[in-house]
C-alpha cells in the first residue's frame, strides 16, 4: 500500500466518530441522515467525517434514485492490518522472552 494511503487510513481511524461510522457501515449501507442519527452532531459535520473516510478509500458513495448511500470499502483496512502484522512477531518474541525469564526466575525461587 502506498504510504500516503496508509497515512490517510490511520488518520481516518484516529477519530472515534469515524470508527463508529465504519462500524455502522459494516452492517450495511446507510445515508448521511441514517449515519448522523446516533450522534449529537449535524449532517454537515457527519459529511465532513465521511469526506475524510472517502479520501482514505474507506467509504464510497453511490446513487440509488434519490438516495446516496454510503458503503464500507474494507480494502484499506486489510492493508493497515497487513502493515501491523509485521509487529505481531516482535510482540510475540518479546512475550516469549518474558515467559522464559519468568520461568527462570521461578526455578530459582
N, C-alpha and C. Protein backbone atom coordinates (compact mmCIF):
# COMPACT_ATOMS: atom_id res chain seq x y z
N UNK A 1 0.85 -1.18 0.00
CA UNK A 1 0.00 0.00 0.00
C UNK A 1 0.89 1.23 0.00
N UNK A 2 0.52 2.23 -0.75
CA UNK A 2 1.28 3.46 -0.79
C UNK A 2 1.25 4.12 0.58
N UNK A 3 2.37 4.74 0.92
CA UNK A 3 2.50 5.37 2.23
C UNK A 3 1.42 6.42 2.46
N UNK A 4 1.11 7.21 1.44
CA UNK A 4 0.08 8.26 1.60
C UNK A 4 -1.27 7.66 1.95
N UNK A 5 -1.63 6.55 1.30
CA UNK A 5 -2.92 5.92 1.58
C UNK A 5 -2.92 5.28 2.97
N UNK A 6 -1.81 4.71 3.36
CA UNK A 6 -1.70 4.14 4.70
C UNK A 6 -1.82 5.24 5.75
N UNK A 7 -1.15 6.37 5.51
CA UNK A 7 -1.26 7.52 6.42
C UNK A 7 -2.70 8.00 6.51
N UNK A 8 -3.38 8.08 5.36
CA UNK A 8 -4.78 8.53 5.35
C UNK A 8 -5.67 7.55 6.09
N UNK A 9 -5.40 6.26 5.96
CA UNK A 9 -6.19 5.24 6.66
C UNK A 9 -6.05 5.41 8.17
N UNK A 10 -4.81 5.50 8.64
CA UNK A 10 -4.61 5.64 10.09
C UNK A 10 -5.15 6.97 10.60
N UNK A 11 -5.02 8.04 9.83
CA UNK A 11 -5.57 9.34 10.24
C UNK A 11 -7.09 9.25 10.34
N UNK A 12 -7.72 8.58 9.39
CA UNK A 12 -9.18 8.43 9.42
C UNK A 12 -9.61 7.60 10.63
N UNK A 13 -8.84 6.57 10.95
CA UNK A 13 -9.18 5.69 12.07
C UNK A 13 -8.91 6.33 13.43
N UNK A 14 -8.18 7.44 13.44
CA UNK A 14 -7.82 8.08 14.71
C UNK A 14 -9.01 8.72 15.42
N UNK A 15 -10.09 8.96 14.69
CA UNK A 15 -11.24 9.64 15.27
C UNK A 15 -12.33 8.63 15.66
N UNK A 16 -12.83 8.69 16.90
CA UNK A 16 -13.85 7.72 17.32
C UNK A 16 -15.16 7.82 16.54
N UNK A 17 -15.53 9.01 16.10
CA UNK A 17 -16.76 9.14 15.31
C UNK A 17 -16.60 8.41 13.98
N UNK A 18 -15.44 8.57 13.35
CA UNK A 18 -15.22 7.89 12.07
C UNK A 18 -15.17 6.37 12.25
N UNK A 19 -14.58 5.92 13.35
CA UNK A 19 -14.58 4.47 13.61
C UNK A 19 -16.01 3.97 13.82
N UNK A 20 -16.84 4.75 14.51
CA UNK A 20 -18.24 4.36 14.72
C UNK A 20 -19.00 4.32 13.39
N UNK A 21 -18.70 5.26 12.51
CA UNK A 21 -19.33 5.27 11.19
C UNK A 21 -18.95 4.00 10.43
N UNK A 22 -17.68 3.63 10.47
CA UNK A 22 -17.25 2.40 9.80
C UNK A 22 -17.92 1.17 10.40
N UNK A 23 -18.06 1.15 11.71
CA UNK A 23 -18.74 0.03 12.37
C UNK A 23 -20.17 -0.07 11.89
N UNK A 24 -20.84 1.08 11.79
CA UNK A 24 -22.22 1.08 11.29
C UNK A 24 -22.28 0.59 9.85
N UNK A 25 -21.36 1.07 9.01
CA UNK A 25 -21.38 0.69 7.60
C UNK A 25 -21.01 -0.78 7.39
N UNK A 26 -20.33 -1.37 8.34
CA UNK A 26 -20.02 -2.80 8.25
C UNK A 26 -21.30 -3.63 8.28
N UNK A 27 -22.37 -3.07 8.85
CA UNK A 27 -23.66 -3.75 8.91
C UNK A 27 -24.47 -3.54 7.64
N UNK A 28 -24.04 -2.63 6.78
CA UNK A 28 -24.76 -2.36 5.54
C UNK A 28 -24.72 -0.89 5.19
N UNK A 29 -25.07 -0.57 3.97
CA UNK A 29 -25.02 0.81 3.52
C UNK A 29 -26.02 1.68 4.28
N UNK A 30 -25.73 2.98 4.30
CA UNK A 30 -26.58 3.93 5.02
C UNK A 30 -26.43 5.31 4.39
N UNK A 31 -27.46 6.13 4.55
CA UNK A 31 -27.40 7.51 4.07
C UNK A 31 -26.74 8.37 5.15
N UNK A 32 -26.41 9.61 4.79
CA UNK A 32 -25.84 10.54 5.76
C UNK A 32 -26.83 10.76 6.91
N UNK A 33 -28.10 10.87 6.60
CA UNK A 33 -29.12 11.05 7.64
C UNK A 33 -29.12 9.87 8.60
N UNK A 34 -29.06 8.68 8.07
CA UNK A 34 -29.04 7.49 8.92
C UNK A 34 -27.76 7.42 9.74
N UNK A 35 -26.64 7.83 9.15
CA UNK A 35 -25.37 7.81 9.89
C UNK A 35 -25.34 8.87 10.98
N UNK A 36 -26.00 10.00 10.75
CA UNK A 36 -25.98 11.10 11.73
C UNK A 36 -26.88 10.82 12.92
N UNK A 37 -27.89 9.95 12.77
CA UNK A 37 -28.90 9.73 13.80
C UNK A 37 -28.34 9.45 15.20
N UNK A 38 -27.38 8.54 15.38
CA UNK A 38 -26.94 8.25 16.75
C UNK A 38 -25.98 9.29 17.36
N UNK A 39 -25.57 10.26 16.57
CA UNK A 39 -24.59 11.25 17.05
C UNK A 39 -25.28 12.57 17.38
N UNK A 40 -24.70 13.31 18.27
CA UNK A 40 -25.19 14.64 18.61
C UNK A 40 -24.42 15.65 17.77
N UNK A 41 -24.54 15.51 16.45
CA UNK A 41 -23.89 16.45 15.54
C UNK A 41 -24.73 16.58 14.28
N UNK A 42 -24.47 17.62 13.56
CA UNK A 42 -25.25 17.92 12.37
C UNK A 42 -24.87 17.00 11.20
N UNK A 43 -25.74 16.97 10.20
CA UNK A 43 -25.43 16.22 8.99
C UNK A 43 -24.19 16.78 8.29
N UNK A 44 -24.00 18.12 8.25
CA UNK A 44 -22.76 18.63 7.65
C UNK A 44 -21.51 18.15 8.39
N UNK A 45 -21.59 18.02 9.71
CA UNK A 45 -20.43 17.52 10.46
C UNK A 45 -20.16 16.06 10.12
N UNK A 46 -21.22 15.27 9.99
CA UNK A 46 -21.06 13.86 9.59
C UNK A 46 -20.48 13.81 8.18
N UNK A 47 -20.94 14.69 7.30
CA UNK A 47 -20.43 14.74 5.93
C UNK A 47 -18.93 15.02 5.90
N UNK A 48 -18.46 15.88 6.80
CA UNK A 48 -17.02 16.15 6.88
C UNK A 48 -16.26 14.89 7.27
N UNK A 49 -16.80 14.14 8.23
CA UNK A 49 -16.17 12.87 8.61
C UNK A 49 -16.17 11.90 7.42
N UNK A 50 -17.27 11.88 6.69
CA UNK A 50 -17.36 10.99 5.53
C UNK A 50 -16.34 11.36 4.46
N UNK A 51 -16.09 12.64 4.29
CA UNK A 51 -15.09 13.08 3.30
C UNK A 51 -13.70 12.57 3.68
N UNK A 52 -13.38 12.60 4.96
CA UNK A 52 -12.09 12.06 5.42
C UNK A 52 -12.03 10.56 5.12
N UNK A 53 -13.12 9.86 5.42
CA UNK A 53 -13.17 8.42 5.16
C UNK A 53 -13.09 8.13 3.66
N UNK A 54 -13.72 8.96 2.84
CA UNK A 54 -13.66 8.79 1.39
C UNK A 54 -12.24 9.00 0.86
N UNK A 55 -11.57 10.05 1.35
CA UNK A 55 -10.19 10.31 0.91
C UNK A 55 -9.27 9.15 1.25
N UNK A 56 -9.56 8.47 2.35
CA UNK A 56 -8.77 7.31 2.76
C UNK A 56 -9.19 6.05 2.01
N UNK A 57 -10.24 6.15 1.20
CA UNK A 57 -10.71 4.99 0.46
C UNK A 57 -11.53 4.02 1.28
N UNK A 58 -11.95 4.44 2.48
CA UNK A 58 -12.68 3.56 3.39
C UNK A 58 -14.19 3.58 3.16
N UNK A 59 -14.67 4.60 2.47
CA UNK A 59 -16.10 4.75 2.22
C UNK A 59 -16.29 5.19 0.77
N UNK A 60 -17.33 4.67 0.16
CA UNK A 60 -17.72 5.16 -1.17
C UNK A 60 -19.19 5.54 -1.10
N UNK A 61 -19.59 6.41 -2.00
CA UNK A 61 -20.99 6.84 -2.06
C UNK A 61 -21.56 6.45 -3.41
N UNK A 62 -22.75 5.91 -3.38
CA UNK A 62 -23.43 5.53 -4.61
C UNK A 62 -24.63 6.39 -4.86
N UNK A 63 -25.42 6.00 -5.83
CA UNK A 63 -26.66 6.70 -6.12
C UNK A 63 -27.71 5.64 -6.38
N UNK A 64 -28.80 5.74 -5.65
CA UNK A 64 -29.93 4.83 -5.80
C UNK A 64 -31.19 5.69 -5.83
N UNK A 65 -31.62 6.07 -7.03
CA UNK A 65 -32.73 7.01 -7.21
C UNK A 65 -32.40 8.30 -6.47
N UNK A 66 -33.17 8.65 -5.45
CA UNK A 66 -32.92 9.89 -4.69
C UNK A 66 -31.94 9.66 -3.53
N UNK A 67 -31.67 8.42 -3.21
CA UNK A 67 -30.74 8.11 -2.11
C UNK A 67 -29.30 8.15 -2.58
N UNK A 68 -28.42 8.53 -1.69
CA UNK A 68 -26.98 8.46 -1.95
C UNK A 68 -26.35 7.65 -0.81
N UNK A 69 -26.49 6.34 -0.88
CA UNK A 69 -25.99 5.52 0.23
C UNK A 69 -24.46 5.48 0.29
N UNK A 70 -23.97 5.39 1.51
CA UNK A 70 -22.54 5.23 1.76
C UNK A 70 -22.28 3.76 1.99
N UNK A 71 -21.12 3.30 1.52
CA UNK A 71 -20.73 1.89 1.68
C UNK A 71 -19.33 1.80 2.25
N UNK A 72 -19.11 0.79 3.05
CA UNK A 72 -17.78 0.50 3.57
C UNK A 72 -16.92 -0.08 2.46
N UNK A 73 -15.70 0.39 2.35
CA UNK A 73 -14.70 -0.17 1.44
C UNK A 73 -13.57 -0.67 2.33
N UNK A 74 -13.51 -1.96 2.54
CA UNK A 74 -12.63 -2.53 3.56
C UNK A 74 -11.19 -2.75 3.10
N UNK A 75 -10.92 -2.64 1.82
CA UNK A 75 -9.56 -2.93 1.32
C UNK A 75 -8.47 -2.15 2.06
N UNK A 76 -8.63 -0.83 2.30
CA UNK A 76 -7.57 -0.12 3.04
C UNK A 76 -7.39 -0.66 4.47
N UNK A 77 -8.46 -1.17 5.08
CA UNK A 77 -8.32 -1.76 6.41
C UNK A 77 -7.45 -3.01 6.36
N UNK A 78 -7.62 -3.81 5.33
CA UNK A 78 -6.80 -5.02 5.16
C UNK A 78 -5.33 -4.64 5.02
N UNK A 79 -5.07 -3.59 4.24
CA UNK A 79 -3.69 -3.14 4.06
C UNK A 79 -3.10 -2.65 5.39
N UNK A 80 -3.90 -1.96 6.20
CA UNK A 80 -3.41 -1.49 7.50
C UNK A 80 -3.13 -2.67 8.43
N UNK A 81 -4.01 -3.66 8.41
CA UNK A 81 -3.79 -4.87 9.23
C UNK A 81 -2.53 -5.59 8.77
N UNK A 82 -2.33 -5.69 7.47
CA UNK A 82 -1.13 -6.34 6.95
C UNK A 82 0.13 -5.61 7.42
N UNK A 83 0.08 -4.28 7.42
CA UNK A 83 1.23 -3.49 7.88
C UNK A 83 1.48 -3.74 9.37
N UNK A 84 0.41 -3.78 10.16
CA UNK A 84 0.55 -4.01 11.60
C UNK A 84 1.01 -5.43 11.92
N UNK A 85 0.68 -6.36 11.04
CA UNK A 85 1.02 -7.76 11.26
C UNK A 85 2.52 -7.97 11.47
N UNK A 86 3.33 -7.15 10.83
CA UNK A 86 4.79 -7.26 10.98
C UNK A 86 5.20 -7.07 12.44
N UNK A 87 4.44 -6.31 13.18
CA UNK A 87 4.78 -6.05 14.58
C UNK A 87 4.30 -7.15 15.51
N UNK A 88 3.40 -8.00 15.01
CA UNK A 88 2.94 -9.13 15.82
C UNK A 88 4.11 -10.04 16.19
N UNK A 89 4.99 -10.32 15.23
CA UNK A 89 6.16 -11.16 15.50
C UNK A 89 7.04 -10.54 16.59
N UNK A 90 7.22 -9.22 16.51
CA UNK A 90 8.02 -8.53 17.52
C UNK A 90 7.44 -8.76 18.92
N UNK A 91 6.12 -8.55 19.06
CA UNK A 91 5.49 -8.69 20.37
C UNK A 91 5.47 -10.14 20.83
N UNK A 92 5.27 -11.06 19.93
CA UNK A 92 5.29 -12.47 20.31
C UNK A 92 6.67 -12.88 20.82
N UNK A 93 7.72 -12.43 20.14
CA UNK A 93 9.08 -12.71 20.60
C UNK A 93 9.34 -12.07 21.96
N UNK A 94 8.85 -10.85 22.15
CA UNK A 94 9.03 -10.18 23.44
C UNK A 94 8.34 -10.95 24.56
N UNK A 95 7.12 -11.42 24.32
CA UNK A 95 6.40 -12.19 25.32
C UNK A 95 7.08 -13.53 25.58
N UNK A 96 7.63 -14.15 24.55
CA UNK A 96 8.34 -15.41 24.74
C UNK A 96 9.59 -15.21 25.61
N UNK A 97 10.30 -14.11 25.39
CA UNK A 97 11.47 -13.81 26.23
C UNK A 97 11.03 -13.56 27.67
N UNK A 98 9.93 -12.85 27.84
CA UNK A 98 9.41 -12.59 29.19
C UNK A 98 9.00 -13.90 29.86
N UNK A 99 8.31 -14.77 29.13
CA UNK A 99 7.92 -16.08 29.68
C UNK A 99 9.14 -16.88 30.10
N UNK A 100 10.18 -16.85 29.27
CA UNK A 100 11.40 -17.59 29.59
C UNK A 100 12.05 -17.02 30.85
N UNK A 101 12.09 -15.70 30.96
CA UNK A 101 12.67 -15.06 32.14
C UNK A 101 11.87 -15.40 33.39
N UNK A 102 10.56 -15.33 33.30
CA UNK A 102 9.71 -15.65 34.45
C UNK A 102 9.88 -17.12 34.85
N UNK A 103 10.00 -18.00 33.89
CA UNK A 103 10.22 -19.42 34.19
C UNK A 103 11.56 -19.61 34.88
N UNK A 104 12.57 -18.90 34.41
CA UNK A 104 13.91 -18.98 35.01
C UNK A 104 13.88 -18.44 36.44
N UNK A 105 13.21 -17.35 36.66
CA UNK A 105 13.10 -16.79 37.99
C UNK A 105 12.32 -17.71 38.91
N UNK A 106 11.32 -18.40 38.38
CA UNK A 106 10.53 -19.34 39.16
C UNK A 106 11.33 -20.53 39.59
N UNK A 107 12.26 -20.97 38.76
CA UNK A 107 13.12 -22.10 39.09
C UNK A 107 14.10 -21.76 40.19
N UNK A 108 14.53 -20.50 40.25
CA UNK A 108 15.50 -20.07 41.27
C UNK A 108 14.83 -19.88 42.62
N UNK A 109 13.52 -19.67 42.64
CA UNK A 109 12.84 -19.32 43.88
C UNK A 109 12.33 -20.49 44.56
